[in-house]
Amino acid sequence: MAKISIDDLKKIKEKTSKNISLRSGDANVKVTVHMGTCGIAAGARDVMSSLMELVSESGRDDIRVVNSGCMGMCSSEPNVTVEIKDQEPIVYQLVDANKMRQIFKQHVLKGEVQTDFALGKI
């Protein structure tokens, strides 16, 4: 088994700290992936993985990513809610990794609601 160096540990700490900061603290944007049993069965884990990758690639530190349980709309899972400061939250339905990329690039980064996937406003 290979030994871990101090530099390796520092890199792990830096990466972990960045991921944790996405899930807490002040942010201008909050993206919630609803991950109840029905959401997970419908593919919410893939959506969350895609979202975390997109946030990391964007280099932005003002985007908060969280998960929650079922929102009671099992037939439209996976659901994702995007909340941008001073705007109404939008719930997206039947989200997959590709739709998450489009929602992230267009809504989260540019503020353009993707009405084709929107379930409604909260």
C-alpha atoms as a PDB file:
ATOM      1  CA  MET A   1       0.000   0.000   0.000  1.00  0.00           C
ATOM      2  CA  ALA A   2       1.401   3.397  -0.998  1.00  0.00           C
ATOM      3  CA  LYS A   3       2.042   5.985   1.676  1.00  0.00           C
ATOM      4  CA  ILE A   4       0.189   9.285   1.564  1.00  0.00           C
ATOM      5  CA  SER A   5       2.356  12.380   1.659  1.00  0.00           C
ATOM      6  CA  ILE A   6       1.587  15.652   3.422  1.00  0.00           C
ATOM      7  CA  ASP A   7       1.003  17.264   0.006  1.00  0.00           C
ATOM      8  CA  ASP A   8      -1.519  14.531  -0.856  1.00  0.00           C
ATOM      9  CA  LEU A   9      -3.362  15.203   2.398  1.00  0.00           C
ATOM     10  CA  LYS A  10      -3.393  18.951   1.709  1.00  0.00           C
ATOM     11  CA  LYS A  11      -4.881  18.337  -1.740  1.00  0.00           C
ATOM     12  CA  ILE A  12      -7.569  16.063  -0.271  1.00  0.00           C
ATOM     13  CA  LYS A  13      -8.363  18.673   2.385  1.00  0.00           C
ATOM     14  CA  GLU A  14      -8.617  21.451  -0.221  1.00  0.00           C
ATOM     15  CA  LYS A  15     -10.925  19.429  -2.464  1.00  0.00           C
ATOM     16  CA  THR A  16     -13.123  18.332   0.452  1.00  0.00           C
ATOM     17  CA  SER A  17     -13.327  21.864   1.872  1.00  0.00           C
ATOM     18  CA  LYS A  18     -14.444  23.190  -1.501  1.00  0.00           C
ATOM     19  CA  ASN A  19     -17.184  20.546  -1.780  1.00  0.00           C
ATOM     20  CA  ILE A  20     -18.380  21.212   1.768  1.00  0.00           C
ATOM     21  CA  SER A  21     -18.494  24.972   1.181  1.00  0.00           C
ATOM     22  CA  LEU A  22     -20.873  24.379  -1.718  1.00  0.00           C
ATOM     23  CA  ARG A  23     -23.341  22.843   0.700  1.00  0.00           C
ATOM     24  CA  SER A  24     -23.256  25.540   3.363  1.00  0.00           C
ATOM     25  CA  GLY A  25     -22.823  29.253   3.872  1.00  0.00           C
ATOM     26  CA  ASP A  26     -24.055  32.323   2.072  1.00  0.00           C
ATOM     27  CA  ALA A  27     -24.668  32.090  -1.637  1.00  0.00           C
ATOM     28  CA  ASN A  28     -26.397  33.959  -4.436  1.00  0.00           C
ATOM     29  CA  VAL A  29     -27.711  30.723  -5.927  1.00  0.00           C
ATOM     30  CA  LYS A  30     -29.083  27.629  -4.209  1.00  0.00           C
ATOM     31  CA  VAL A  31     -29.754  24.457  -6.186  1.00  0.00           C
ATOM     32  CA  THR A  32     -31.676  21.685  -4.423  1.00  0.00           C
ATOM     33  CA  VAL A  33     -31.752  18.160  -5.800  1.00  0.00           C
ATOM     34  CA  HIS A  34     -34.743  16.337  -4.302  1.00  0.00           C
ATOM     35  CA  MET A  35     -33.412  12.933  -3.317  1.00  0.00           C
ATOM     36  CA  GLY A  36     -36.168  11.024  -1.631  1.00  0.00           C
ATOM     37  CA  THR A  37     -36.475   7.326  -2.410  1.00  0.00           C
ATOM     38  CA  CYS A  38     -38.508   8.051  -5.539  1.00  0.00           C
ATOM     39  CA  GLY A  39     -36.014  10.670  -6.733  1.00  0.00           C
ATOM     40  CA  ILE A  40     -33.057   8.361  -6.226  1.00  0.00           C
ATOM     41  CA  ALA A  41     -34.863   5.560  -8.054  1.00  0.00           C
ATOM     42  CA  ALA A  42     -35.555   7.955 -10.934  1.00  0.00           C
ATOM     43  CA  GLY A  43     -31.888   9.021 -11.240  1.00  0.00           C
ATOM     44  CA  ALA A  44     -31.316  11.882  -8.784  1.00  0.00           C
ATOM     45  CA  ARG A  45     -27.833  10.614  -7.900  1.00  0.00           C
ATOM     46  CA  ASP A  46     -26.693  11.080 -11.506  1.00  0.00           C
ATOM     47  CA  VAL A  47     -28.236  14.555 -11.487  1.00  0.00           C
ATOM     48  CA  MET A  48     -26.395  15.445  -8.263  1.00  0.00           C
ATOM     49  CA  SER A  49     -23.091  14.121  -9.615  1.00  0.00           C
ATOM     50  CA  SER A  50     -23.505  16.133 -12.792  1.00  0.00           C
ATOM     51  CA  LEU A  51     -24.397  19.263 -10.816  1.00  0.00           C
ATOM     52  CA  MET A  52     -21.416  18.957  -8.467  1.00  0.00           C
ATOM     53  CA  GLU A  53     -19.100  18.553 -11.449  1.00  0.00           C
ATOM     54  CA  LEU A  54     -20.597  21.617 -13.170  1.00  0.00           C
ATOM     55  CA  VAL A  55     -20.264  23.767 -10.064  1.00  0.00           C
ATOM     56  CA  SER A  56     -16.676  22.676  -9.603  1.00  0.00           C
ATOM     57  CA  GLU A  57     -15.851  23.428 -13.252  1.00  0.00           C
ATOM     58  CA  SER A  58     -17.518  26.850 -13.062  1.00  0.00           C
ATOM     59  CA  GLY A  59     -15.098  28.015 -10.380  1.00  0.00           C
ATOM     60  CA  ARG A  60     -17.909  29.942  -8.683  1.00  0.00           C
ATOM     61  CA  ASP A  61     -18.072  29.939  -4.919  1.00  0.00           C
ATOM     62  CA  ASP A  62     -21.479  31.606  -4.602  1.00  0.00           C
ATOM     63  CA  ILE A  63     -23.506  28.542  -5.640  1.00  0.00           C
ATOM     64  CA  ARG A  64     -24.872  26.407  -2.814  1.00  0.00           C
ATOM     65  CA  VAL A  65     -25.799  22.807  -3.600  1.00  0.00           C
ATOM     66  CA  VAL A  66     -28.072  20.895  -1.236  1.00  0.00           C
ATOM     67  CA  ASN A  67     -30.215  17.797  -1.275  1.00  0.00           C
ATOM     68  CA  SER A  68     -33.589  17.224   0.282  1.00  0.00           C
ATOM     69  CA  GLY A  69     -36.178  14.528   0.578  1.00  0.00           C
ATOM     70  CA  CYS A  70     -39.194  13.941  -1.596  1.00  0.00           C
ATOM     71  CA  MET A  71     -41.356  16.943  -2.385  1.00  0.00           C
ATOM     72  CA  GLY A  72     -44.415  14.732  -2.912  1.00  0.00           C
ATOM     73  CA  MET A  73     -44.407  14.804  -6.698  1.00  0.00           C
ATOM     74  CA  CYS A  74     -43.098  11.317  -7.408  1.00  0.00           C
ATOM     75  CA  SER A  75     -44.363  11.202 -10.978  1.00  0.00           C
ATOM     76  CA  SER A  76     -42.128  14.140 -11.950  1.00  0.00           C
ATOM     77  CA  GLU A  77     -38.884  12.982 -10.274  1.00  0.00           C
ATOM     78  CA  PRO A  78     -36.029  13.731 -10.361  1.00  0.00           C
ATOM     79  CA  ASN A  79     -36.927  17.287  -9.346  1.00  0.00           C
ATOM     80  CA  VAL A  80     -34.476  20.152  -8.962  1.00  0.00           C
ATOM     81  CA  THR A  81     -35.240  23.563  -7.454  1.00  0.00           C
ATOM     82  CA  VAL A  82     -33.176  26.583  -8.497  1.00  0.00           C
ATOM     83  CA  GLU A  83     -33.283  29.621  -6.220  1.00  0.00           C
ATOM     84  CA  ILE A  84     -31.496  32.770  -7.324  1.00  0.00           C
ATOM     85  CA  LYS A  85     -31.295  35.681  -4.915  1.00  0.00           C
ATOM     86  CA  ASP A  86     -34.203  38.137  -5.363  1.00  0.00           C
ATOM     87  CA  GLN A  87     -36.017  35.835  -7.839  1.00  0.00           C
ATOM     88  CA  GLU A  88     -38.796  33.288  -7.462  1.00  0.00           C
ATOM     89  CA  PRO A  89     -37.651  29.666  -7.049  1.00  0.00           C
ATOM     90  CA  ILE A  90     -38.223  27.428 -10.068  1.00  0.00           C
ATOM     91  CA  VAL A  91     -38.844  23.680  -9.824  1.00  0.00           C
ATOM     92  CA  TYR A  92     -37.659  21.563 -12.729  1.00  0.00           C
ATOM     93  CA  GLN A  93     -39.093  18.117 -13.405  1.00  0.00           C
ATOM     94  CA  LEU A  94     -37.869  14.891 -15.005  1.00  0.00           C
ATOM     95  CA  VAL A  95     -34.286  16.136 -14.797  1.00  0.00           C
ATOM     96  CA  ASP A  96     -31.445  13.964 -16.049  1.00  0.00           C
ATOM     97  CA  ALA A  97     -27.724  14.739 -16.309  1.00  0.00           C
ATOM     98  CA  ASN A  98     -28.110  16.398 -19.736  1.00  0.00           C
ATOM     99  CA  LYS A  99     -31.024  18.569 -18.625  1.00  0.00           C
ATOM    100  CA  MET A 100     -29.071  19.483 -15.486  1.00  0.00           C
ATOM    101  CA  ARG A 101     -26.216  20.743 -17.661  1.00  0.00           C
ATOM    102  CA  GLN A 102     -28.614  22.926 -19.661  1.00  0.00           C
ATOM    103  CA  ILE A 103     -30.379  24.208 -16.529  1.00  0.00           C
ATOM    104  CA  PHE A 104     -27.022  25.015 -14.930  1.00  0.00           C
ATOM    105  CA  LYS A 105     -25.548  26.795 -17.940  1.00  0.00           C
ATOM    106  CA  GLN A 106     -28.697  28.719 -18.865  1.00  0.00           C
ATOM    107  CA  HIS A 107     -30.562  29.335 -15.593  1.00  0.00           C
ATOM    108  CA  VAL A 108     -27.939  29.170 -12.857  1.00  0.00           C
ATOM    109  CA  LEU A 109     -25.195  31.002 -14.771  1.00  0.00           C
ATOM    110  CA  LYS A 110     -27.243  33.261 -17.074  1.00  0.00           C
ATOM    111  CA  GLY A 111     -30.574  33.630 -15.237  1.00  0.00           C
ATOM    112  CA  GLU A 112     -32.647  32.260 -18.135  1.00  0.00           C
ATOM    113  CA  VAL A 113     -35.434  29.959 -16.884  1.00  0.00           C
ATOM    114  CA  GLN A 114     -35.690  26.784 -18.958  1.00  0.00           C
ATOM    115  CA  THR A 115     -39.453  26.687 -19.404  1.00  0.00           C
ATOM    116  CA  ASP A 116     -39.361  23.377 -21.314  1.00  0.00           C
ATOM    117  CA  PHE A 117     -38.355  21.570 -18.096  1.00  0.00           C
ATOM    118  CA  ALA A 118     -40.029  23.810 -15.507  1.00  0.00           C
ATOM    119  CA  LEU A 119     -42.736  22.307 -13.338  1.00  0.00           C
ATOM    120  CA  GLY A 120     -43.581  25.683 -11.837  1.00  0.00           C
ATOM    121  CA  LYS A 121     -42.699  28.408  -9.404  1.00  0.00           C
ATOM    122  CA  ILE A 122     -42.800  27.846  -5.680  1.00  0.00           C
END
